[in-house]
Amino acid sequence: MSNYPPSLTLALPNSGPASLVGSLTMTPVAASSGVRSLLTVTAPADTGVTASTEQTDVYLNLAATRTWATGALNTQRAVRVAAPTYAFAGASTVTTAATVYIEGAPVAGTNATITNAYALFVGGGRVLFGGAVVLNAVPVVYSDTQTGATPTVSRPAGVVRVPHGATTVTVTNTLVSATSLIFAQIRNATTNAVSVADVVPGAGSFIINLSGNPGASNADVAFLVVNPGTGV
């Protein structure tokens, strides 16, 4: 913004929208002391919001269609956040550092009931994590253990039992279809040497077949269900 002085205060109206036509680049001068926030948006405590109408506090409308000249494009990212570098004048430790932090899910206030509260909600499309995914206090995959003769485990993972004298178990699982990929392995030492012969998926259930009778020890079989996606 070369046409404006180095120090510029934008006065916005107390009510109604304010518009900026054109692009905006912010390059603050580096500070040599103190602590500051480069950009702070403080939401007002509105009252009398129109009933049954969503109110979005920060909205990035990127729905425009952009057309390129002909040519291959390796990567296109609509919103990018570059990783910061934190340094100190002397040896110091940062216990936890994050490029993006979300404090938590929405909190229900007076007379409000939230059925599903999410700190992050991706409405559609595939999600790619280029690094490791670390979850604290919540299992990476929800699982359940059922050791009865007719187990029902509608989870992506679990443990079921093939009892002494049997070689197979049928597991009811609403997540499973005929195209599901199911990985299974015996997780205990069995009296008789057996292995998983095959796993046959079907609509709402799957069958685990062993190579033989596990013996008095029974066979506790852990499984993981993966449903192949489509598209890119």
C-alpha atoms as a PDB file:
ATOM      1  CA  MET A   1       0.000   0.000   0.000  1.00  0.00           C
ATOM      2  CA  SER A   2       2.599   2.525  -1.155  1.00  0.00           C
ATOM      3  CA  ASN A   3       0.038   5.351  -1.427  1.00  0.00           C
ATOM      4  CA  TYR A   4      -0.547   5.377   2.324  1.00  0.00           C
ATOM      5  CA  PRO A   5       1.686   6.656   5.140  1.00  0.00           C
ATOM      6  CA  PRO A   6       3.731   4.189   7.259  1.00  0.00           C
ATOM      7  CA  SER A   7       1.278   4.589  10.130  1.00  0.00           C
ATOM      8  CA  LEU A   8      -2.363   4.170   9.168  1.00  0.00           C
ATOM      9  CA  THR A   9      -5.438   3.716  11.335  1.00  0.00           C
ATOM     10  CA  LEU A  10      -8.558   2.343   9.666  1.00  0.00           C
ATOM     11  CA  ALA A  11     -11.709   3.636  11.320  1.00  0.00           C
ATOM     12  CA  LEU A  12     -14.592   1.226  10.760  1.00  0.00           C
ATOM     13  CA  PRO A  13     -18.257   2.088  11.334  1.00  0.00           C
ATOM     14  CA  ASN A  14     -19.908   1.015  14.558  1.00  0.00           C
ATOM     15  CA  SER A  15     -22.602  -0.800  12.608  1.00  0.00           C
ATOM     16  CA  GLY A  16     -23.017  -2.084   9.098  1.00  0.00           C
ATOM     17  CA  PRO A  17     -20.419  -3.638   6.814  1.00  0.00           C
ATOM     18  CA  ALA A  18     -17.082  -2.160   5.769  1.00  0.00           C
ATOM     19  CA  SER A  19     -15.597  -3.141   2.411  1.00  0.00           C
ATOM     20  CA  LEU A  20     -12.071  -3.252   1.051  1.00  0.00           C
ATOM     21  CA  VAL A  21     -11.798  -3.349  -2.721  1.00  0.00           C
ATOM     22  CA  GLY A  22      -8.519  -4.771  -3.969  1.00  0.00           C
ATOM     23  CA  SER A  23      -5.790  -6.762  -2.262  1.00  0.00           C
ATOM     24  CA  LEU A  24      -4.323  -6.154   1.166  1.00  0.00           C
ATOM     25  CA  THR A  25      -0.793  -7.005   2.262  1.00  0.00           C
ATOM     26  CA  MET A  26       0.243  -6.447   5.859  1.00  0.00           C
ATOM     27  CA  THR A  27       3.974  -6.243   6.632  1.00  0.00           C
ATOM     28  CA  PRO A  28       4.376  -4.913  10.160  1.00  0.00           C
ATOM     29  CA  VAL A  29       7.712  -3.487  11.285  1.00  0.00           C
ATOM     30  CA  ALA A  30       9.615  -5.895  13.542  1.00  0.00           C
ATOM     31  CA  ALA A  31       9.408  -5.083  17.257  1.00  0.00           C
ATOM     32  CA  SER A  32      12.480  -5.261  19.500  1.00  0.00           C
ATOM     33  CA  SER A  33      10.687  -5.711  22.829  1.00  0.00           C
ATOM     34  CA  GLY A  34       7.329  -6.509  24.390  1.00  0.00           C
ATOM     35  CA  VAL A  35       4.582  -8.879  23.213  1.00  0.00           C
ATOM     36  CA  ARG A  36       1.982  -8.170  20.557  1.00  0.00           C
ATOM     37  CA  SER A  37      -0.605  -9.788  18.314  1.00  0.00           C
ATOM     38  CA  LEU A  38      -0.310  -8.959  14.613  1.00  0.00           C
ATOM     39  CA  LEU A  39      -4.041  -9.393  14.044  1.00  0.00           C
ATOM     40  CA  THR A  40      -6.788  -9.588  16.657  1.00  0.00           C
ATOM     41  CA  VAL A  41     -10.492  -9.974  15.947  1.00  0.00           C
ATOM     42  CA  THR A  42     -12.669  -9.638  19.044  1.00  0.00           C
ATOM     43  CA  ALA A  43     -16.208 -10.918  18.573  1.00  0.00           C
ATOM     44  CA  PRO A  44     -18.950  -8.766  20.090  1.00  0.00           C
ATOM     45  CA  ALA A  45     -21.511 -10.281  22.458  1.00  0.00           C
ATOM     46  CA  ASP A  46     -24.456  -9.844  20.100  1.00  0.00           C
ATOM     47  CA  THR A  47     -28.019 -10.163  21.348  1.00  0.00           C
ATOM     48  CA  GLY A  48     -31.281 -10.522  19.459  1.00  0.00           C
ATOM     49  CA  VAL A  49     -29.696 -12.572  16.684  1.00  0.00           C
ATOM     50  CA  THR A  50     -32.311 -13.650  14.128  1.00  0.00           C
ATOM     51  CA  ALA A  51     -33.882 -16.946  15.163  1.00  0.00           C
ATOM     52  CA  SER A  52     -32.919 -20.138  13.317  1.00  0.00           C
ATOM     53  CA  THR A  53     -30.261 -18.305  11.280  1.00  0.00           C
ATOM     54  CA  GLU A  54     -26.565 -19.123  11.267  1.00  0.00           C
ATOM     55  CA  GLN A  55     -24.228 -16.287  12.171  1.00  0.00           C
ATOM     56  CA  THR A  56     -20.628 -16.726  10.990  1.00  0.00           C
ATOM     57  CA  ASP A  57     -18.030 -14.602  12.773  1.00  0.00           C
ATOM     58  CA  VAL A  58     -15.193 -15.041  10.274  1.00  0.00           C
ATOM     59  CA  TYR A  59     -16.054 -15.961   6.684  1.00  0.00           C
ATOM     60  CA  LEU A  60     -13.531 -16.549   3.908  1.00  0.00           C
ATOM     61  CA  ASN A  61     -15.557 -16.791   0.721  1.00  0.00           C
ATOM     62  CA  LEU A  62     -13.230 -18.545  -1.724  1.00  0.00           C
ATOM     63  CA  ALA A  63     -16.009 -19.827  -3.981  1.00  0.00           C
ATOM     64  CA  ALA A  64     -14.907 -17.829  -7.046  1.00  0.00           C
ATOM     65  CA  THR A  65     -13.749 -19.721 -10.133  1.00  0.00           C
ATOM     66  CA  ARG A  66     -10.173 -18.936 -11.138  1.00  0.00           C
ATOM     67  CA  THR A  67      -8.941 -19.786 -14.621  1.00  0.00           C
ATOM     68  CA  TRP A  68      -5.302 -20.459 -15.436  1.00  0.00           C
ATOM     69  CA  ALA A  69      -3.480 -20.345 -18.724  1.00  0.00           C
ATOM     70  CA  THR A  70      -2.912 -23.847 -20.092  1.00  0.00           C
ATOM     71  CA  GLY A  71      -0.206 -25.750 -18.248  1.00  0.00           C
ATOM     72  CA  ALA A  72       0.291 -28.372 -15.531  1.00  0.00           C
ATOM     73  CA  LEU A  73       0.035 -27.175 -11.936  1.00  0.00           C
ATOM     74  CA  ASN A  74       1.757 -29.260  -9.280  1.00  0.00           C
ATOM     75  CA  THR A  75       0.099 -27.841  -6.160  1.00  0.00           C
ATOM     76  CA  GLN A  76      -2.659 -25.313  -5.552  1.00  0.00           C
ATOM     77  CA  ARG A  77      -3.560 -24.253  -2.008  1.00  0.00           C
ATOM     78  CA  ALA A  78      -6.256 -21.668  -1.307  1.00  0.00           C
ATOM     79  CA  VAL A  79      -5.174 -20.895   2.271  1.00  0.00           C
ATOM     80  CA  ARG A  80      -1.587 -21.349   3.448  1.00  0.00           C
ATOM     81  CA  VAL A  81      -0.055 -20.974   6.889  1.00  0.00           C
ATOM     82  CA  ALA A  82       3.736 -21.053   6.918  1.00  0.00           C
ATOM     83  CA  ALA A  83       5.431 -22.538   9.985  1.00  0.00           C
ATOM     84  CA  PRO A  84       6.995 -19.957  12.316  1.00  0.00           C
ATOM     85  CA  THR A  85      10.502 -20.232  13.761  1.00  0.00           C
ATOM     86  CA  TYR A  86      10.908 -19.543  17.483  1.00  0.00           C
ATOM     87  CA  ALA A  87      14.348 -18.496  18.729  1.00  0.00           C
ATOM     88  CA  PHE A  88      15.823 -17.202  22.010  1.00  0.00           C
ATOM     89  CA  ALA A  89      18.757 -15.051  23.016  1.00  0.00           C
ATOM     90  CA  GLY A  90      19.934 -17.924  25.232  1.00  0.00           C
ATOM     91  CA  ALA A  91      19.201 -21.620  25.786  1.00  0.00           C
ATOM     92  CA  SER A  92      15.455 -21.972  26.441  1.00  0.00           C
ATOM     93  CA  THR A  93      12.727 -24.603  26.047  1.00  0.00           C
ATOM     94  CA  VAL A  94       9.218 -24.348  24.620  1.00  0.00           C
ATOM     95  CA  THR A  95       7.218 -27.233  26.087  1.00  0.00           C
ATOM     96  CA  THR A  96       4.461 -27.197  23.471  1.00  0.00           C
ATOM     97  CA  ALA A  97       4.449 -25.258  20.201  1.00  0.00           C
ATOM     98  CA  ALA A  98       1.753 -25.228  17.534  1.00  0.00           C
ATOM     99  CA  THR A  99       1.319 -23.390  14.256  1.00  0.00           C
ATOM    100  CA  VAL A 100      -2.496 -23.494  14.615  1.00  0.00           C
ATOM    101  CA  TYR A 101      -4.307 -23.891  17.939  1.00  0.00           C
ATOM    102  CA  ILE A 102      -8.048 -24.293  18.568  1.00  0.00           C
ATOM    103  CA  GLU A 103      -9.007 -23.823  22.202  1.00  0.00           C
ATOM    104  CA  GLY A 104     -11.971 -26.173  22.112  1.00  0.00           C
ATOM    105  CA  ALA A 105     -15.425 -26.964  20.801  1.00  0.00           C
ATOM    106  CA  PRO A 106     -18.344 -24.502  21.110  1.00  0.00           C
ATOM    107  CA  VAL A 107     -19.785 -24.247  24.630  1.00  0.00           C
ATOM    108  CA  ALA A 108     -23.518 -24.285  25.280  1.00  0.00           C
ATOM    109  CA  GLY A 109     -24.634 -21.118  27.065  1.00  0.00           C
ATOM    110  CA  THR A 110     -27.906 -20.153  28.731  1.00  0.00           C
ATOM    111  CA  ASN A 111     -30.913 -22.112  27.398  1.00  0.00           C
ATOM    112  CA  ALA A 112     -28.730 -23.692  24.687  1.00  0.00           C
ATOM    113  CA  THR A 113     -28.307 -27.383  23.901  1.00  0.00           C
ATOM    114  CA  ILE A 114     -25.576 -28.459  21.480  1.00  0.00           C
ATOM    115  CA  THR A 115     -26.138 -31.930  20.084  1.00  0.00           C
ATOM    116  CA  ASN A 116     -22.788 -32.238  18.314  1.00  0.00           C
ATOM    117  CA  ALA A 117     -19.952 -29.904  19.268  1.00  0.00           C
ATOM    118  CA  TYR A 118     -16.710 -30.018  17.276  1.00  0.00           C
ATOM    119  CA  ALA A 119     -13.534 -28.002  17.656  1.00  0.00           C
ATOM    120  CA  LEU A 120     -12.826 -28.712  13.969  1.00  0.00           C
ATOM    121  CA  PHE A 121     -15.448 -29.728  11.402  1.00  0.00           C
ATOM    122  CA  VAL A 122     -14.448 -30.602   7.826  1.00  0.00           C
ATOM    123  CA  GLY A 123     -17.724 -30.681   5.909  1.00  0.00           C
ATOM    124  CA  GLY A 124     -16.521 -32.791   2.983  1.00  0.00           C
ATOM    125  CA  GLY A 125     -13.608 -33.969   0.915  1.00  0.00           C
ATOM    126  CA  ARG A 126     -10.623 -36.085   1.843  1.00  0.00           C
ATOM    127  CA  VAL A 127      -8.233 -34.971   4.575  1.00  0.00           C
ATOM    128  CA  LEU A 128      -4.477 -35.465   4.223  1.00  0.00           C
ATOM    129  CA  PHE A 129      -2.089 -35.433   7.173  1.00  0.00           C
ATOM    130  CA  GLY A 130       1.461 -35.308   5.870  1.00  0.00           C
ATOM    131  CA  GLY A 131       2.933 -36.040   9.314  1.00  0.00           C
ATOM    132  CA  ALA A 132       2.055 -38.195  12.297  1.00  0.00           C
ATOM    133  CA  VAL A 133      -1.375 -37.812  13.927  1.00  0.00           C
ATOM    134  CA  VAL A 134      -1.108 -37.634  17.719  1.00  0.00           C
ATOM    135  CA  LEU A 135      -4.253 -37.903  19.831  1.00  0.00           C
ATOM    136  CA  ASN A 136      -4.257 -37.287  23.561  1.00  0.00           C
ATOM    137  CA  ALA A 137      -6.586 -39.271  25.834  1.00  0.00           C
ATOM    138  CA  VAL A 138      -8.719 -40.539  22.923  1.00  0.00           C
ATOM    139  CA  PRO A 139      -7.867 -43.746  21.046  1.00  0.00           C
ATOM    140  CA  VAL A 140      -6.781 -43.329  17.442  1.00  0.00           C
ATOM    141  CA  VAL A 141      -9.453 -45.880  16.446  1.00  0.00           C
ATOM    142  CA  TYR A 142     -12.482 -46.663  18.572  1.00  0.00           C
ATOM    143  CA  SER A 143     -12.615 -50.353  19.420  1.00  0.00           C
ATOM    144  CA  ASP A 144     -14.627 -52.848  21.447  1.00  0.00           C
ATOM    145  CA  THR A 145     -14.106 -56.366  22.794  1.00  0.00           C
ATOM    146  CA  GLN A 146     -16.788 -59.047  22.583  1.00  0.00           C
ATOM    147  CA  THR A 147     -15.961 -62.620  23.608  1.00  0.00           C
ATOM    148  CA  GLY A 148     -19.433 -64.135  23.259  1.00  0.00           C
ATOM    149  CA  ALA A 149     -20.524 -66.643  20.637  1.00  0.00           C
ATOM    150  CA  THR A 150     -22.399 -64.049  18.538  1.00  0.00           C
ATOM    151  CA  PRO A 151     -20.414 -60.809  18.871  1.00  0.00           C
ATOM    152  CA  THR A 152     -21.710 -57.439  17.696  1.00  0.00           C
ATOM    153  CA  VAL A 153     -18.945 -54.878  17.302  1.00  0.00           C
ATOM    154  CA  SER A 154     -19.990 -51.897  15.205  1.00  0.00           C
ATOM    155  CA  ARG A 155     -16.602 -50.243  15.523  1.00  0.00           C
ATOM    156  CA  PRO A 156     -13.732 -49.947  13.048  1.00  0.00           C
ATOM    157  CA  ALA A 157     -11.629 -52.141  15.340  1.00  0.00           C
ATOM    158  CA  GLY A 158     -12.166 -54.724  18.032  1.00  0.00           C
ATOM    159  CA  VAL A 159     -11.403 -58.124  19.521  1.00  0.00           C
ATOM    160  CA  VAL A 160     -13.611 -61.193  19.191  1.00  0.00           C
ATOM    161  CA  ARG A 161     -13.167 -64.797  20.288  1.00  0.00           C
ATOM    162  CA  VAL A 162     -13.117 -68.114  18.455  1.00  0.00           C
ATOM    163  CA  PRO A 163     -13.809 -70.589  21.286  1.00  0.00           C
ATOM    164  CA  HIS A 164     -12.335 -74.029  21.923  1.00  0.00           C
ATOM    165  CA  GLY A 165     -13.747 -76.566  19.492  1.00  0.00           C
ATOM    166  CA  ALA A 166     -14.666 -73.946  16.859  1.00  0.00           C
ATOM    167  CA  THR A 167     -12.822 -72.655  13.826  1.00  0.00           C
ATOM    168  CA  THR A 168     -14.954 -69.672  12.896  1.00  0.00           C
ATOM    169  CA  VAL A 169     -16.841 -66.699  14.288  1.00  0.00           C
ATOM    170  CA  THR A 170     -19.380 -64.397  12.640  1.00  0.00           C
ATOM    171  CA  VAL A 171     -19.158 -60.761  13.705  1.00  0.00           C
ATOM    172  CA  THR A 172     -22.057 -58.362  13.250  1.00  0.00           C
ATOM    173  CA  ASN A 173     -20.715 -54.939  12.296  1.00  0.00           C
ATOM    174  CA  THR A 174     -22.846 -52.239  10.682  1.00  0.00           C
ATOM    175  CA  LEU A 175     -19.746 -50.558   9.233  1.00  0.00           C
ATOM    176  CA  VAL A 176     -18.931 -53.532   7.039  1.00  0.00           C
ATOM    177  CA  SER A 177     -19.949 -54.129   3.440  1.00  0.00           C
ATOM    178  CA  ALA A 178     -18.916 -56.672   0.828  1.00  0.00           C
ATOM    179  CA  THR A 179     -16.141 -54.337  -0.342  1.00  0.00           C
ATOM    180  CA  SER A 180     -14.637 -53.721   3.112  1.00  0.00           C
ATOM    181  CA  LEU A 181     -11.015 -54.585   3.765  1.00  0.00           C
ATOM    182  CA  ILE A 182     -10.673 -56.411   7.080  1.00  0.00           C
ATOM    183  CA  PHE A 183      -7.331 -57.143   8.682  1.00  0.00           C
ATOM    184  CA  ALA A 184      -7.244 -59.734  11.471  1.00  0.00           C
ATOM    185  CA  GLN A 185      -4.683 -61.473  13.636  1.00  0.00           C
ATOM    186  CA  ILE A 186      -4.684 -63.747  16.692  1.00  0.00           C
ATOM    187  CA  ARG A 187      -3.382 -61.823  19.685  1.00  0.00           C
ATOM    188  CA  ASN A 188      -2.912 -64.585  22.271  1.00  0.00           C
ATOM    189  CA  ALA A 189      -0.881 -67.785  22.474  1.00  0.00           C
ATOM    190  CA  THR A 190      -3.218 -70.631  21.551  1.00  0.00           C
ATOM    191  CA  THR A 191      -3.054 -74.200  22.782  1.00  0.00           C
ATOM    192  CA  ASN A 192      -3.019 -75.476  19.233  1.00  0.00           C
ATOM    193  CA  ALA A 193      -0.968 -73.726  16.560  1.00  0.00           C
ATOM    194  CA  VAL A 194      -3.519 -71.967  14.369  1.00  0.00           C
ATOM    195  CA  SER A 195      -3.682 -68.872  12.238  1.00  0.00           C
ATOM    196  CA  VAL A 196      -6.265 -66.721  10.500  1.00  0.00           C
ATOM    197  CA  ALA A 197      -7.130 -68.520   7.271  1.00  0.00           C
ATOM    198  CA  ASP A 198      -9.329 -65.785   5.783  1.00  0.00           C
ATOM    199  CA  VAL A 199     -11.875 -63.088   6.547  1.00  0.00           C
ATOM    200  CA  VAL A 200     -15.053 -62.880   4.479  1.00  0.00           C
ATOM    201  CA  PRO A 201     -16.906 -59.527   4.544  1.00  0.00           C
ATOM    202  CA  GLY A 202     -20.599 -59.160   3.811  1.00  0.00           C
ATOM    203  CA  ALA A 203     -23.405 -56.653   4.246  1.00  0.00           C
ATOM    204  CA  GLY A 204     -23.379 -55.780   7.947  1.00  0.00           C
ATOM    205  CA  SER A 205     -21.141 -58.624   9.107  1.00  0.00           C
ATOM    206  CA  PHE A 206     -17.988 -60.602   8.436  1.00  0.00           C
ATOM    207  CA  ILE A 207     -16.718 -64.109   9.112  1.00  0.00           C
ATOM    208  CA  ILE A 208     -13.308 -64.923  10.540  1.00  0.00           C
ATOM    209  CA  ASN A 209     -12.082 -68.404   9.645  1.00  0.00           C
ATOM    210  CA  LEU A 210      -9.140 -70.015  11.447  1.00  0.00           C
ATOM    211  CA  SER A 211      -6.908 -72.763  10.113  1.00  0.00           C
ATOM    212  CA  GLY A 212      -8.077 -75.081  12.902  1.00  0.00           C
ATOM    213  CA  ASN A 213      -9.352 -75.494  16.475  1.00  0.00           C
ATOM    214  CA  PRO A 214      -7.404 -73.169  18.826  1.00  0.00           C
ATOM    215  CA  GLY A 215      -7.748 -75.541  21.763  1.00  0.00           C
ATOM    216  CA  ALA A 216      -8.540 -74.821  25.405  1.00  0.00           C
ATOM    217  CA  SER A 217      -6.967 -71.358  25.260  1.00  0.00           C
ATOM    218  CA  ASN A 218      -9.539 -70.081  22.749  1.00  0.00           C
ATOM    219  CA  ALA A 219      -8.348 -67.591  20.113  1.00  0.00           C
ATOM    220  CA  ASP A 220      -8.817 -63.875  20.654  1.00  0.00           C
ATOM    221  CA  VAL A 221      -8.733 -62.224  17.251  1.00  0.00           C
ATOM    222  CA  ALA A 222      -8.107 -58.501  16.779  1.00  0.00           C
ATOM    223  CA  PHE A 223      -9.506 -56.895  13.634  1.00  0.00           C
ATOM    224  CA  LEU A 224      -9.434 -53.582  11.773  1.00  0.00           C
ATOM    225  CA  VAL A 225     -12.056 -52.541   9.216  1.00  0.00           C
ATOM    226  CA  VAL A 226     -11.088 -50.217   6.358  1.00  0.00           C
ATOM    227  CA  ASN A 227     -13.666 -49.057   3.843  1.00  0.00           C
ATOM    228  CA  PRO A 228     -11.992 -47.986   0.587  1.00  0.00           C
ATOM    229  CA  GLY A 229     -12.772 -44.450  -0.542  1.00  0.00           C
ATOM    230  CA  THR A 230     -13.349 -43.177  -4.035  1.00  0.00           C
ATOM    231  CA  GLY A 231     -12.228 -40.114  -5.901  1.00  0.00           C
ATOM    232  CA  VAL A 232      -9.141 -38.012  -5.245  1.00  0.00           C
END
